[in-house]
C-alpha atoms as a PDB file:
ATOM      1  CA  UNK A   1     102.920  99.217  62.091  1.00  0.00           C
ATOM      2  CA  UNK A   2     105.795  96.879  62.303  1.00  0.00           C
ATOM      3  CA  UNK A   3     108.303  97.356  65.198  1.00  0.00           C
ATOM      4  CA  UNK A   4     107.431  96.424  68.928  1.00  0.00           C
ATOM      5  CA  UNK A   5     104.111  94.550  67.781  1.00  0.00           C
ATOM      6  CA  UNK A   6     102.410  98.322  68.205  1.00  0.00           C
ATOM      7  CA  UNK A   7     103.106  98.093  72.370  1.00  0.00           C
ATOM      8  CA  UNK A   8     102.035 101.135  74.272  1.00  0.00           C
ATOM      9  CA  UNK A   9     103.737 103.306  76.534  1.00  0.00           C
ATOM     10  CA  UNK A  10     102.943 106.488  78.441  1.00  0.00           C
ATOM     11  CA  UNK A  11     105.420 109.200  78.703  1.00  0.00           C
ATOM     12  CA  UNK A  12     104.956 111.189  82.319  1.00  0.00           C
ATOM     13  CA  UNK A  13     107.577 114.274  81.596  1.00  0.00           C
ATOM     14  CA  UNK A  14     106.730 117.966  82.102  1.00  0.00           C
ATOM     15  CA  UNK A  15     109.086 119.427  80.616  1.00  0.00           C
ATOM     16  CA  UNK A  16     108.327 119.821  76.760  1.00  0.00           C
ATOM     17  CA  UNK A  17     111.740 119.661  75.122  1.00  0.00           C
ATOM     18  CA  UNK A  18     112.526 116.433  76.723  1.00  0.00           C
ATOM     19  CA  UNK A  19     108.167 115.403  75.786  1.00  0.00           C
ATOM     20  CA  UNK A  20     108.529 116.149  72.975  1.00  0.00           C
ATOM     21  CA  UNK A  21     112.212 114.658  72.317  1.00  0.00           C
ATOM     22  CA  UNK A  22     110.467 111.287  74.163  1.00  0.00           C
ATOM     23  CA  UNK A  23     107.738 110.468  71.499  1.00  0.00           C
ATOM     24  CA  UNK A  24     109.718 111.867  68.804  1.00  0.00           C
ATOM     25  CA  UNK A  25     111.599 108.324  69.248  1.00  0.00           C
ATOM     26  CA  UNK A  26     109.856 106.299  70.899  1.00  0.00           C
ATOM     27  CA  UNK A  27     107.406 106.378  67.690  1.00  0.00           C
ATOM     28  CA  UNK A  28     109.714 106.356  65.642  1.00  0.00           C
ATOM     29  CA  UNK A  29     110.882 102.478  67.030  1.00  0.00           C
ATOM     30  CA  UNK A  30     107.386 102.065  66.726  1.00  0.00           C
ATOM     31  CA  UNK A  31     105.925 102.145  69.910  1.00  0.00           C
ATOM     32  CA  UNK A  32     102.340 103.559  70.286  1.00  0.00           C
ATOM     33  CA  UNK A  33     102.591 107.045  72.784  1.00  0.00           C
ATOM     34  CA  UNK A  34     100.760 108.884  74.933  1.00  0.00           C
ATOM     35  CA  UNK A  35     101.670 111.440  77.512  1.00  0.00           C
ATOM     36  CA  UNK A  36     101.353 112.999  80.327  1.00  0.00           C
ATOM     37  CA  UNK A  37     102.078 116.668  81.110  1.00  0.00           C
ATOM     38  CA  UNK A  38     102.761 116.108  85.170  1.00  0.00           C
ATOM     39  CA  UNK A  39     101.639 113.263  87.604  1.00  0.00           C
ATOM     40  CA  UNK A  40      97.532 113.510  87.559  1.00  0.00           C
ATOM     41  CA  UNK A  41      97.276 113.362  84.455  1.00  0.00           C
ATOM     42  CA  UNK A  42      99.594 110.034  84.278  1.00  0.00           C
ATOM     43  CA  UNK A  43      97.167 108.321  87.012  1.00  0.00           C
ATOM     44  CA  UNK A  44      93.790 109.158  85.096  1.00  0.00           C
ATOM     45  CA  UNK A  45      95.584 107.744  81.998  1.00  0.00           C
ATOM     46  CA  UNK A  46      96.184 104.513  83.748  1.00  0.00           C
ATOM     47  CA  UNK A  47      93.044 104.801  85.359  1.00  0.00           C
ATOM     48  CA  UNK A  48      91.374 104.765  81.660  1.00  0.00           C
ATOM     49  CA  UNK A  49      90.066 101.165  81.938  1.00  0.00           C
ATOM     50  CA  UNK A  50      91.147 100.106  78.459  1.00  0.00           C
ATOM     51  CA  UNK A  51      94.838 101.753  78.002  1.00  0.00           C
ATOM     52  CA  UNK A  52      96.553  98.718  78.183  1.00  0.00           C
ATOM     53  CA  UNK A  53     100.092 100.782  78.599  1.00  0.00           C
ATOM     54  CA  UNK A  54     103.190  97.913  78.194  1.00  0.00           C
ATOM     55  CA  UNK A  55     105.273 100.588  79.831  1.00  0.00           C
ATOM     56  CA  UNK A  56     105.342 104.055  82.224  1.00  0.00           C
ATOM     57  CA  UNK A  57     108.470 106.652  81.798  1.00  0.00           C
ATOM     58  CA  UNK A  58     108.372 108.273  84.286  1.00  0.00           C
ATOM     59  CA  UNK A  59     109.356 111.558  85.659  1.00  0.00           C
ATOM     60  CA  UNK A  60     109.823 112.478  89.413  1.00  0.00           C
ATOM     61  CA  UNK A  61     109.736 116.166  89.294  1.00  0.00           C
ATOM     62  CA  UNK A  62     106.371 116.622  88.182  1.00  0.00           C
ATOM     63  CA  UNK A  63     103.730 119.754  88.978  1.00  0.00           C
ATOM     64  CA  UNK A  64     100.526 118.386  90.944  1.00  0.00           C
ATOM     65  CA  UNK A  65     101.948 115.685  92.250  1.00  0.00           C
ATOM     66  CA  UNK A  66     105.177 113.922  92.297  1.00  0.00           C
ATOM     67  CA  UNK A  67     106.282 110.251  90.554  1.00  0.00           C
ATOM     68  CA  UNK A  68     106.616 109.236  93.930  1.00  0.00           C
ATOM     69  CA  UNK A  69     103.427 109.883  94.304  1.00  0.00           C
ATOM     70  CA  UNK A  70     102.376 108.071  91.038  1.00  0.00           C
ATOM     71  CA  UNK A  71     104.705 105.450  91.908  1.00  0.00           C
ATOM     72  CA  UNK A  72     102.488 104.935  95.177  1.00  0.00           C
ATOM     73  CA  UNK A  73      99.357 105.336  93.549  1.00  0.00           C
ATOM     74  CA  UNK A  74     100.041 102.564  90.991  1.00  0.00           C
ATOM     75  CA  UNK A  75     100.700 100.421  93.737  1.00  0.00           C
ATOM     76  CA  UNK A  76      97.486 101.345  96.062  1.00  0.00           C
ATOM     77  CA  UNK A  77      95.315 100.627  93.229  1.00  0.00           C
ATOM     78  CA  UNK A  78      97.218  97.473  91.747  1.00  0.00           C
ATOM     79  CA  UNK A  79      98.285  98.900  88.513  1.00  0.00           C
ATOM     80  CA  UNK A  80     100.687  96.581  87.427  1.00  0.00           C
ATOM     81  CA  UNK A  81     102.682  98.426  84.355  1.00  0.00           C
ATOM     82  CA  UNK A  82     106.657  98.581  84.783  1.00  0.00           C
ATOM     83  CA  UNK A  83     108.028 101.850  85.824  1.00  0.00           C
ATOM     84  CA  UNK A  84     110.815 102.908  83.889  1.00  0.00           C
ATOM     85  CA  UNK A  85     112.031 105.982  86.081  1.00  0.00           C
ATOM     86  CA  UNK A  86     113.786 108.684  83.869  1.00  0.00           C
ATOM     87  CA  UNK A  87     114.634 111.948  86.201  1.00  0.00           C
ATOM     88  CA  UNK A  88     117.142 113.943  86.974  1.00  0.00           C
ATOM     89  CA  UNK A  89     117.784 113.691  90.489  1.00  0.00           C
ATOM     90  CA  UNK A  90     120.510 111.390  90.959  1.00  0.00           C
ATOM     91  CA  UNK A  91     120.738 110.454  94.554  1.00  0.00           C
ATOM     92  CA  UNK A  92     121.478 106.820  95.711  1.00  0.00           C
ATOM     93  CA  UNK A  93     118.163 107.874  98.431  1.00  0.00           C
ATOM     94  CA  UNK A  94     115.760 108.723  95.611  1.00  0.00           C
ATOM     95  CA  UNK A  95     117.076 105.853  93.530  1.00  0.00           C
ATOM     96  CA  UNK A  96     116.423 104.004  96.267  1.00  0.00           C
ATOM     97  CA  UNK A  97     113.526 105.377  97.353  1.00  0.00           C
ATOM     98  CA  UNK A  98     112.162 105.438  93.526  1.00  0.00           C
ATOM     99  CA  UNK A  99     113.294 100.946  93.739  1.00  0.00           C
ATOM    100  CA  UNK A 100     111.557 100.276  96.462  1.00  0.00           C
ATOM    101  CA  UNK A 101     108.061 100.822  94.370  1.00  0.00           C
ATOM    102  CA  UNK A 102     109.417  98.266  92.199  1.00  0.00           C
ATOM    103  CA  UNK A 103     109.966 100.118  89.421  1.00  0.00           C
ATOM    104  CA  UNK A 104     112.323  97.882  86.419  1.00  0.00           C
ATOM    105  CA  UNK A 105     115.317 100.890  85.729  1.00  0.00           C
ATOM    106  CA  UNK A 106     116.153 104.392  87.307  1.00  0.00           C
ATOM    107  CA  UNK A 107     118.002 106.071  84.609  1.00  0.00           C
ATOM    108  CA  UNK A 108     119.497 109.758  85.676  1.00  0.00           C
ATOM    109  CA  UNK A 109     118.563 112.365  82.762  1.00  0.00           C
ATOM    110  CA  UNK A 110     122.114 114.023  82.260  1.00  0.00           C
ATOM    111  CA  UNK A 111     123.517 110.174  82.195  1.00  0.00           C
ATOM    112  CA  UNK A 112     121.860 108.937  79.034  1.00  0.00           C
ATOM    113  CA  UNK A 113     120.379 109.541  76.230  1.00  0.00           C
ATOM    114  CA  UNK A 114     117.498 108.424  74.548  1.00  0.00           C
ATOM    115  CA  UNK A 115     118.529 105.631  72.444  1.00  0.00           C
ATOM    116  CA  UNK A 116     119.188 104.243  76.302  1.00  0.00           C
ATOM    117  CA  UNK A 117     116.350 104.551  77.230  1.00  0.00           C
ATOM    118  CA  UNK A 118     114.708 102.088  74.643  1.00  0.00           C
ATOM    119  CA  UNK A 119     116.580 100.085  74.218  1.00  0.00           C
ATOM    120  CA  UNK A 120     116.147  99.223  77.821  1.00  0.00           C
ATOM    121  CA  UNK A 121     112.171  99.375  77.005  1.00  0.00           C
ATOM    122  CA  UNK A 122     112.488  96.900  73.722  1.00  0.00           C
ATOM    123  CA  UNK A 123     114.974  94.596  76.100  1.00  0.00           C
ATOM    124  CA  UNK A 124     111.923  94.794  78.909  1.00  0.00           C
ATOM    125  CA  UNK A 125     108.966  94.267  77.094  1.00  0.00           C
ATOM    126  CA  UNK A 126     110.660  91.779  74.330  1.00  0.00           C
ATOM    127  CA  UNK A 127     111.456  89.784  78.022  1.00  0.00           C
ATOM    128  CA  UNK A 128     107.686  90.172  78.553  1.00  0.00           C
ATOM    129  CA  UNK A 129     107.634  91.306  80.966  1.00  0.00           C
END
């Protein structure tokens, strides 16, 4: 029960292997991790009053409801949880569109290791932000 003071992470990822890898790495790094396989499930988890997530790891290409719609829903409902995007989309327009929602970082899956994402999240949460 040591580590990051039991910080809670919500991983929103539809690819099973990627989701499992993220869950495993975050858990081994001392986080309490929940997962959503699509945007609708992410919104449900974020709207459950007592969730208290400290950060959301969000894919943009998702079934049912894409990551941009999740960001929009969070904004409209005043859900102020820091979001780190981890997406296969690497185009500048995609990054700019996500950054317009005030995300904390944008990582492209092919250019980023899970360790880099976890390291960033640890730094982000250490800042208390």
